[in-house]
Amino acid sequence: MKVAHVVPTYWPAVRYGGPIFSVHGLCRSLVESGVEVDVYTTNVDGEGVLDVPLGTPVDVDGVTVRYFETGIGRRLYRSPSLAEELEARIAEYDVVHTHSIFLWPVLAASRIAAAHDVPYVSTPRGMLVRELVDSKSTWIKTAWLSLIEKKNLEGASLVHATSATERADITAFGYCLKRIAVVPNGIDSQDYSSIADICTNPTPTILCLGRISWKKGLDMMIAALKMLPDVQLVIAGNDDEGYTETLSNLAASCGVSDRVRFPGAVYGEDKLKLLQSSHLVALPSRSENFANVILEAMAASRPVLVTAEVGMAEIVLRARCGRVVDPHPSSIAMGARRLLSQADQAREMGMAGRVCAKEQFDWRMVASQMQDQYRALLKNAESDATQPLSVLQSDEAVEQGREA
């Protein structure tokens, strides 16, 4: 099986947060499981570009990646050379898998695949949420959805959600989708095995880890800190939106500036050290399709605190590895207080999270699930199936794929 993955930006453009890690993790794991993978992407990296060869295959952890420059319409990652190369080679692929929406490479890849009768998978990566569309660039995104994205999504052989929460967000738009299925993001749990079960930091510390954005609910976390005396808060992540200044001003107005730290983006050993020195990891997000950082915290045996709007919330409840709270400062403060004051229970939750991450979200298992989905849609294509499938029928198709 040979699959072309098309994504606006790719590793090592880690400034864009979780999707960069999850798409690369998926592609790398698919390759390790025997799937041939080619990635088509741009060299965009914030205001600059990645230092990578253009148009030629580059080996990135075993994944063949082709980077292309953008032209007019850089904000949409418009890259005519990417489209030309994909169209020239489209006959090589059994499946095209796109990641994200509202951006030009995804549009181009979907149309090329449809024109050549190659089934394609659409993964919105948390961007198809009604509340987010309504709260930011409303008119532009609404028009794009109506004129472009609706057709692309309804033409996809499979729409891939990373959690039940994201699946509900997608289906709420009422589009006539052929099939929708949930395959989670994964993790290399071994990368976090060096972190001890017990945090020896004498100061109670909450860690918010990941891209700094208005949707992450960090303002509510800072407001909650007023109700958590003697607790330190570390907000670590890349800030392309310039939101740190707003949060710093909020911390000052709340009188907690001396207890809030912004170390910037952290990776590798620096991230492991932050996890080691934190008593819990919080993500009070207003919208989150999955939440890689919560999976990382679980692998690091840290109890977690999330709002119900986070895609991992259901997993947190099921695994009993943390608390799910309402998106309000008082509720966040209460949940954090309970985790910080009940050390034995917090440690048990952390250990439960580590077991869950290892046993249910290892990248090898996730890659196997995605292969099942590819096989199912290829089997449907071979039988010329044309009737839309419901979510329940999607599960039946996966079982058929396993038998193929």
Protein backbone atom coordinates (compact mmCIF):
# COMPACT_ATOMS: atom_id res chain seq x y z
CA MET A 1 0.00 0.00 0.00
CA LYS A 2 1.30 3.46 -0.91
CA VAL A 3 -0.16 6.60 0.64
CA ALA A 4 0.48 10.29 -0.08
CA HIS A 5 0.07 12.50 2.96
CA VAL A 6 -0.55 16.17 2.18
CA VAL A 7 -0.13 18.71 4.96
CA PRO A 8 0.46 22.49 4.82
CA THR A 9 3.50 22.34 7.16
CA TYR A 10 5.57 19.46 8.46
CA TRP A 11 8.43 18.53 10.71
CA PRO A 12 10.61 20.28 11.80
CA ALA A 13 8.16 23.24 11.83
CA VAL A 14 7.32 22.45 15.46
CA ARG A 15 6.13 26.01 16.16
CA TYR A 16 2.70 24.88 14.91
CA GLY A 17 2.24 22.57 17.87
CA GLY A 18 0.54 19.21 18.23
CA PRO A 19 -0.46 18.53 14.61
CA ILE A 20 3.18 18.62 13.50
CA PHE A 21 4.09 15.95 16.05
CA SER A 22 1.00 13.82 15.47
CA VAL A 23 1.16 13.82 11.66
CA HIS A 24 4.86 12.96 11.71
CA GLY A 25 4.29 10.30 14.37
CA LEU A 26 1.57 8.71 12.26
CA CYS A 27 3.62 8.79 9.05
CA ARG A 28 6.71 7.39 10.76
CA SER A 29 4.72 4.57 12.36
CA LEU A 30 2.98 3.70 9.10
CA VAL A 31 6.37 3.38 7.44
CA GLU A 32 7.61 1.14 10.25
CA SER A 33 4.53 -1.07 9.75
CA GLY A 34 5.25 -1.54 6.05
CA VAL A 35 3.19 1.20 4.39
CA GLU A 36 4.96 3.29 1.74
CA VAL A 37 4.46 6.95 2.68
CA ASP A 38 5.28 10.12 0.76
CA VAL A 39 4.63 13.49 2.41
CA TYR A 40 3.88 16.60 0.34
CA THR A 41 4.24 19.85 2.24
CA THR A 42 5.59 23.38 2.11
CA ASN A 43 8.73 24.88 3.61
CA VAL A 44 6.78 27.52 5.55
CA ASP A 45 7.94 28.03 9.14
CA GLY A 46 6.29 31.08 10.66
CA GLU A 47 7.47 34.22 8.91
CA GLY A 48 10.47 32.36 7.55
CA VAL A 49 11.15 29.05 5.83
CA LEU A 50 12.69 25.73 6.78
CA ASP A 51 16.27 25.04 5.75
CA VAL A 52 15.38 22.04 3.57
CA PRO A 53 15.90 21.03 -0.07
CA LEU A 54 12.93 21.87 -2.30
CA GLY A 55 11.11 19.45 -4.59
CA THR A 56 13.41 16.52 -3.92
CA PRO A 57 12.85 13.59 -1.54
CA VAL A 58 14.17 14.12 1.97
CA ASP A 59 14.40 11.30 4.52
CA VAL A 60 12.91 12.41 7.84
CA ASP A 61 13.07 9.54 10.35
CA GLY A 62 12.43 7.08 7.53
CA VAL A 63 9.59 9.11 6.01
CA THR A 64 10.03 10.42 2.46
CA VAL A 65 9.15 14.12 2.53
CA ARG A 66 8.96 16.58 -0.37
CA TYR A 67 9.02 20.25 0.59
CA PHE A 68 7.81 22.94 -1.83
CA GLU A 69 7.97 26.70 -1.78
CA THR A 70 4.87 28.86 -1.64
CA GLY A 71 3.92 31.56 -4.10
CA ILE A 72 1.29 34.26 -4.13
CA GLY A 73 -1.16 33.45 -1.35
CA ARG A 74 1.42 32.37 1.22
CA ARG A 75 -1.07 32.79 4.08
CA LEU A 76 -3.01 29.91 2.55
CA TYR A 77 0.22 27.97 1.89
CA ARG A 78 -0.44 28.14 -1.85
CA SER A 79 2.19 26.07 -3.67
CA PRO A 80 1.64 25.41 -7.40
CA SER A 81 4.78 23.28 -7.55
CA LEU A 82 3.38 20.96 -4.86
CA ALA A 83 0.19 20.45 -6.86
CA GLU A 84 2.12 19.86 -10.09
CA GLU A 85 4.31 17.19 -8.49
CA LEU A 86 1.37 15.43 -6.83
CA GLU A 87 -0.65 15.38 -10.07
CA ALA A 88 2.32 14.03 -12.01
CA ARG A 89 2.70 11.15 -9.53
CA ILE A 90 -0.90 10.58 -8.41
CA ALA A 91 -1.16 7.22 -10.22
CA GLU A 92 1.44 5.78 -7.81
CA TYR A 93 -0.82 6.09 -4.77
CA ASP A 94 -3.58 3.91 -3.42
CA VAL A 95 -4.77 6.62 -1.02
CA VAL A 96 -4.28 10.36 -0.51
CA HIS A 97 -4.51 11.54 3.10
CA THR A 98 -4.93 15.27 3.76
CA HIS A 99 -4.47 17.02 7.10
CA SER A 100 -6.13 20.33 8.10
CA ILE A 101 -8.79 22.37 6.29
CA PHE A 102 -9.16 25.99 5.11
CA LEU A 103 -5.73 25.79 3.44
CA TRP A 104 -4.69 25.53 -0.22
CA PRO A 105 -2.62 22.28 -0.26
CA VAL A 106 -5.58 20.36 1.15
CA LEU A 107 -7.92 21.81 -1.46
CA ALA A 108 -5.50 21.03 -4.30
CA ALA A 109 -4.83 17.48 -3.12
CA SER A 110 -8.53 16.69 -2.69
CA ARG A 111 -9.34 17.89 -6.19
CA ILE A 112 -6.42 16.02 -7.76
CA ALA A 113 -7.37 12.79 -5.99
CA ALA A 114 -11.03 13.12 -7.00
CA ALA A 115 -10.13 13.87 -10.62
CA HIS A 116 -8.05 10.69 -10.82
CA ASP A 117 -10.46 8.48 -8.83
CA VAL A 118 -8.00 7.99 -5.99
CA PRO A 119 -9.78 7.71 -2.63
CA TYR A 120 -8.79 10.39 -0.16
CA VAL A 121 -8.98 10.77 3.60
CA SER A 122 -9.66 14.16 5.20
CA THR A 123 -8.38 14.84 8.72
CA PRO A 124 -9.53 18.32 9.91
CA ARG A 125 -7.15 18.27 12.92
CA GLY A 126 -9.53 20.15 15.19
CA MET A 127 -10.31 22.96 12.76
CA LEU A 128 -13.92 21.97 12.06
CA VAL A 129 -15.58 23.26 15.22
CA ARG A 130 -18.63 25.52 14.97
CA GLU A 131 -17.64 27.66 17.96
CA LEU A 132 -14.18 28.32 16.52
CA VAL A 133 -15.55 29.17 13.09
CA ASP A 134 -18.04 31.58 14.67
CA SER A 135 -15.45 33.24 16.91
CA LYS A 136 -12.62 33.92 14.48
CA SER A 137 -12.64 35.03 10.80
CA THR A 138 -16.33 34.12 10.77
CA TRP A 139 -17.33 35.39 7.33
CA ILE A 140 -14.24 34.13 5.53
CA LYS A 141 -14.39 30.66 7.06
CA THR A 142 -18.14 30.36 6.61
CA ALA A 143 -17.81 31.24 2.93
CA TRP A 144 -14.92 28.81 2.51
CA LEU A 145 -16.94 26.04 4.14
CA SER A 146 -19.94 26.66 1.93
CA LEU A 147 -18.11 27.11 -1.36
CA ILE A 148 -15.14 24.77 -0.98
CA GLU A 149 -14.73 22.67 2.14
CA LYS A 150 -18.21 21.13 2.18
CA LYS A 151 -17.61 19.61 -1.25
CA ASN A 152 -14.16 18.36 -0.26
CA LEU A 153 -15.44 16.72 2.93
CA GLU A 154 -18.43 15.12 1.26
CA GLY A 155 -16.17 13.83 -1.50
CA ALA A 156 -13.75 12.19 0.93
CA SER A 157 -13.89 8.42 1.16
CA LEU A 158 -13.20 8.83 4.87
CA VAL A 159 -13.26 11.73 7.32
CA HIS A 160 -10.88 10.99 10.18
CA ALA A 161 -11.49 12.35 13.68
CA THR A 162 -9.01 11.89 16.51
CA SER A 163 -11.61 11.64 19.29
CA ALA A 164 -15.31 11.18 19.91
CA THR A 165 -15.47 14.89 20.75
CA GLU A 166 -14.07 15.83 17.35
CA ARG A 167 -16.41 13.40 15.61
CA ALA A 168 -19.37 15.11 17.28
CA ASP A 169 -18.02 18.54 16.25
CA ILE A 170 -17.71 17.41 12.63
CA THR A 171 -21.11 15.73 12.38
CA ALA A 172 -22.75 18.82 13.91
CA PHE A 173 -22.22 20.61 10.57
CA GLY A 174 -24.73 18.23 8.98
CA TYR A 175 -22.66 17.36 5.93
CA CYS A 176 -23.44 14.18 3.97
CA LEU A 177 -20.22 12.32 4.72
CA LYS A 178 -19.51 8.93 3.19
CA ARG A 179 -17.80 7.63 6.29
CA ILE A 180 -16.37 9.04 9.51
CA ALA A 181 -14.17 7.15 11.95
CA VAL A 182 -12.15 7.83 15.07
CA VAL A 183 -8.45 6.97 15.19
CA PRO A 184 -6.56 8.68 18.05
CA ASN A 185 -3.15 10.27 18.03
CA GLY A 186 -0.37 8.16 19.48
CA ILE A 187 2.74 8.45 21.59
CA ASP A 188 6.17 6.89 22.05
CA SER A 189 5.62 6.20 25.74
CA GLN A 190 9.20 4.98 26.16
CA ASP A 191 10.39 8.57 25.67
CA TYR A 192 8.86 9.45 29.06
CA SER A 193 9.95 6.40 31.05
CA SER A 194 12.80 8.29 32.74
CA ILE A 195 10.35 10.51 34.64
CA ALA A 196 9.79 9.36 38.22
CA ASP A 197 6.30 8.61 39.50
CA ILE A 198 6.77 11.06 42.38
CA CYS A 199 7.44 14.78 41.94
CA THR A 200 10.06 15.92 44.47
CA ASN A 201 9.57 19.64 43.82
CA PRO A 202 8.64 21.11 47.25
CA THR A 203 6.54 23.87 45.65
CA PRO A 204 3.12 22.77 44.32
CA THR A 205 3.42 23.33 40.57
CA ILE A 206 0.90 23.21 37.73
CA LEU A 207 2.18 22.91 34.17
CA CYS A 208 0.36 24.13 31.06
CA LEU A 209 2.35 22.80 28.14
CA GLY A 210 1.83 23.50 24.44
CA ARG A 211 1.12 26.26 21.97
CA ILE A 212 0.07 29.47 23.71
CA SER A 213 -3.29 30.47 22.26
CA TRP A 214 -6.52 32.14 23.30
CA LYS A 215 -8.44 28.90 22.82
CA LYS A 216 -6.33 27.03 25.41
CA GLY A 217 -8.15 28.71 28.32
CA LEU A 218 -4.91 29.93 29.90
CA ASP A 219 -6.69 33.09 31.04
CA MET A 220 -9.03 30.92 33.13
CA MET A 221 -6.05 29.05 34.57
CA ILE A 222 -4.43 32.32 35.67
CA ALA A 223 -7.71 33.52 37.19
CA ALA A 224 -7.98 30.20 39.04
CA LEU A 225 -4.51 30.75 40.51
CA LYS A 226 -5.97 33.51 42.72
CA MET A 227 -7.83 30.74 44.54
CA LEU A 228 -4.73 28.53 44.84
CA PRO A 229 -2.33 30.23 47.28
CA ASP A 230 1.30 29.11 47.24
CA VAL A 231 0.83 27.26 43.93
CA GLN A 232 3.18 27.98 41.02
CA LEU A 233 2.01 27.98 37.40
CA VAL A 234 4.32 27.30 34.45
CA ILE A 235 2.98 28.14 30.97
CA ALA A 236 5.43 26.72 28.43
CA GLY A 237 4.99 26.82 24.68
CA ASN A 238 5.45 28.61 21.41
CA ASP A 239 3.55 31.89 21.02
CA ASP A 240 2.88 32.81 17.38
CA GLU A 241 -0.20 34.81 18.39
CA GLY A 242 1.64 37.19 20.73
CA TYR A 243 -0.72 36.16 23.52
CA THR A 244 1.88 35.98 26.30
CA GLU A 245 1.75 39.72 26.91
CA THR A 246 -2.02 39.54 27.43
CA LEU A 247 -1.57 36.70 29.90
CA SER A 248 1.22 38.54 31.73
CA ASN A 249 -1.01 41.58 32.12
CA LEU A 250 -3.82 39.38 33.40
CA ALA A 251 -1.49 37.77 35.94
CA ALA A 252 -0.50 41.24 37.15
CA SER A 253 -4.12 42.35 37.50
CA CYS A 254 -4.90 39.15 39.43
CA GLY A 255 -1.92 39.72 41.74
CA VAL A 256 -0.23 36.43 40.84
CA SER A 257 2.64 37.59 38.60
CA ASP A 258 5.22 36.27 41.04
CA ARG A 259 3.70 32.79 40.72
CA VAL A 260 3.45 32.56 36.91
CA ARG A 261 6.40 31.68 34.70
CA PHE A 262 6.66 31.72 30.89
CA PRO A 263 9.80 29.77 29.85
CA GLY A 264 8.86 29.76 26.15
CA ALA A 265 8.82 26.71 23.88
CA VAL A 266 10.47 23.61 25.35
CA TYR A 267 11.46 20.37 23.66
CA GLY A 268 13.44 17.23 24.40
CA GLU A 269 15.22 17.14 27.75
CA ASP A 270 13.92 20.58 28.75
CA LYS A 271 10.34 19.36 28.37
CA LEU A 272 11.07 16.22 30.38
CA LYS A 273 12.56 18.33 33.18
CA LEU A 274 9.42 20.49 33.32
CA LEU A 275 7.22 17.41 33.50
CA GLN A 276 9.44 15.96 36.24
CA SER A 277 9.16 19.12 38.35
CA SER A 278 5.35 19.47 37.97
CA HIS A 279 2.70 17.97 40.23
CA LEU A 280 -0.02 18.04 37.59
CA VAL A 281 -0.58 19.06 33.97
CA ALA A 282 -3.59 21.21 33.13
CA LEU A 283 -5.34 21.96 29.85
CA PRO A 284 -8.44 24.12 30.49
CA SER A 285 -9.07 24.50 26.77
CA ARG A 286 -12.18 25.98 25.20
CA SER A 287 -11.83 23.54 22.30
CA GLU A 288 -9.39 20.70 21.71
CA ASN A 289 -9.92 17.90 19.22
CA PHE A 290 -7.50 15.54 21.00
CA ALA A 291 -4.75 17.04 23.27
CA ASN A 292 -1.33 15.50 22.69
CA VAL A 293 0.01 17.21 25.80
CA ILE A 294 -2.41 15.27 28.00
CA LEU A 295 -1.23 12.02 26.46
CA GLU A 296 2.36 13.12 27.16
CA ALA A 297 1.48 13.90 30.76
CA MET A 298 -0.13 10.48 31.14
CA ALA A 299 2.99 8.79 29.73
CA ALA A 300 5.01 10.81 32.25
CA SER A 301 2.75 9.55 35.09
CA ARG A 302 1.44 13.01 35.91
CA PRO A 303 -2.22 13.44 36.93
CA VAL A 304 -4.09 15.72 34.55
CA LEU A 305 -6.77 18.38 34.76
CA VAL A 306 -8.86 19.07 31.64
CA THR A 307 -12.11 20.74 30.70
CA ALA A 308 -14.93 18.73 29.18
CA GLU A 309 -14.23 20.43 25.83
CA VAL A 310 -10.91 18.57 25.50
CA GLY A 311 -11.02 15.50 23.24
CA MET A 312 -9.07 13.42 25.78
CA ALA A 313 -11.60 14.15 28.56
CA GLU A 314 -13.47 10.89 28.00
CA ILE A 315 -10.19 8.95 28.18
CA VAL A 316 -9.19 10.77 31.37
CA LEU A 317 -12.43 9.72 33.03
CA ARG A 318 -12.24 6.16 31.77
CA ALA A 319 -8.60 5.69 32.82
CA ARG A 320 -9.13 7.54 36.13
CA CYS A 321 -5.94 9.47 35.55
CA GLY A 322 -7.15 12.96 36.44
CA ARG A 323 -10.14 15.27 36.74
CA VAL A 324 -12.52 16.79 34.21
CA VAL A 325 -13.90 20.20 35.17
CA ASP A 326 -16.13 22.93 33.80
CA PRO A 327 -14.47 25.76 31.85
CA HIS A 328 -14.66 28.27 34.70
CA PRO A 329 -11.91 29.53 37.04
CA SER A 330 -13.65 28.37 40.22
CA SER A 331 -14.16 24.85 38.84
CA ILE A 332 -10.58 24.71 37.59
CA ALA A 333 -9.29 25.86 40.98
CA MET A 334 -11.38 23.28 42.84
CA GLY A 335 -10.17 20.43 40.61
CA ALA A 336 -6.54 21.51 40.94
CA ARG A 337 -6.84 21.88 44.72
CA ARG A 338 -8.10 18.31 45.07
CA LEU A 339 -5.28 16.90 42.97
CA LEU A 340 -2.62 18.88 44.80
CA SER A 341 -3.94 18.11 48.29
CA GLN A 342 -4.42 14.36 47.83
CA ALA A 343 -0.91 13.14 47.07
CA ASP A 344 -1.61 9.40 47.24
CA GLN A 345 -4.63 9.63 44.96
CA ALA A 346 -2.74 11.89 42.55
CA ARG A 347 0.09 9.38 42.35
CA GLU A 348 -2.37 6.54 41.65
CA MET A 349 -3.93 8.64 38.89
CA GLY A 350 -0.52 9.33 37.41
CA MET A 351 0.39 5.66 37.36
CA ALA A 352 -2.98 4.79 35.80
CA GLY A 353 -2.33 7.34 33.09
CA ARG A 354 1.08 5.84 32.31
CA VAL A 355 -0.42 2.38 31.92
CA CYS A 356 -3.21 3.70 29.70
CA ALA A 357 -0.80 5.62 27.45
CA LYS A 358 1.42 2.60 26.99
CA GLU A 359 -1.29 0.02 26.47
CA GLN A 360 -3.79 1.98 24.37
CA PHE A 361 -1.97 4.77 22.54
CA ASP A 362 1.35 3.35 21.39
CA TRP A 363 2.03 4.57 17.84
CA ARG A 364 2.23 1.00 16.55
CA MET A 365 -1.36 0.37 17.62
CA VAL A 366 -2.51 3.67 16.12
CA ALA A 367 -0.79 2.92 12.81
CA SER A 368 -2.52 -0.46 12.72
CA GLN A 369 -5.90 1.20 13.25
CA MET A 370 -5.22 3.65 10.42
CA GLN A 371 -4.22 0.81 8.11
CA ASP A 372 -7.55 -0.87 8.91
CA GLN A 373 -9.30 2.30 7.77
CA TYR A 374 -7.27 2.49 4.55
CA ARG A 375 -8.05 -1.15 3.76
CA ALA A 376 -11.74 -0.62 4.44
CA LEU A 377 -12.06 2.32 2.09
CA LEU A 378 -10.04 0.53 -0.61
CA LYS A 379 -12.32 -2.47 -0.31
CA ASN A 380 -15.33 -0.18 -0.67
CA ALA A 381 -13.74 1.44 -3.73
CA GLU A 382 -13.09 -1.94 -5.33
CA SER A 383 -16.72 -2.94 -4.87
CA ASP A 384 -17.88 0.44 -6.28
CA ALA A 385 -19.81 1.21 -3.09
CA THR A 386 -21.65 4.49 -3.52
CA GLN A 387 -24.11 4.65 -0.62
CA PRO A 388 -23.13 6.93 2.30
CA LEU A 389 -22.14 5.04 5.42
CA SER A 390 -23.20 6.00 8.92
CA VAL A 391 -20.83 6.09 11.87
CA LEU A 392 -21.97 2.61 12.90
CA GLN A 393 -21.47 1.28 9.37
CA SER A 394 -17.98 2.72 9.53
CA ASP A 395 -17.12 0.27 12.30
CA GLU A 396 -18.42 -2.61 10.17
CA ALA A 397 -16.23 -1.47 7.31
CA VAL A 398 -13.18 -1.56 9.58
CA GLU A 399 -13.94 -5.16 10.52
CA GLN A 400 -14.19 -6.02 6.82
CA GLY A 401 -10.84 -4.35 6.31
CA ARG A 402 -9.24 -6.55 8.99
CA GLU A 403 -10.51 -9.65 7.22
CA ALA A 404 -9.22 -8.51 3.82
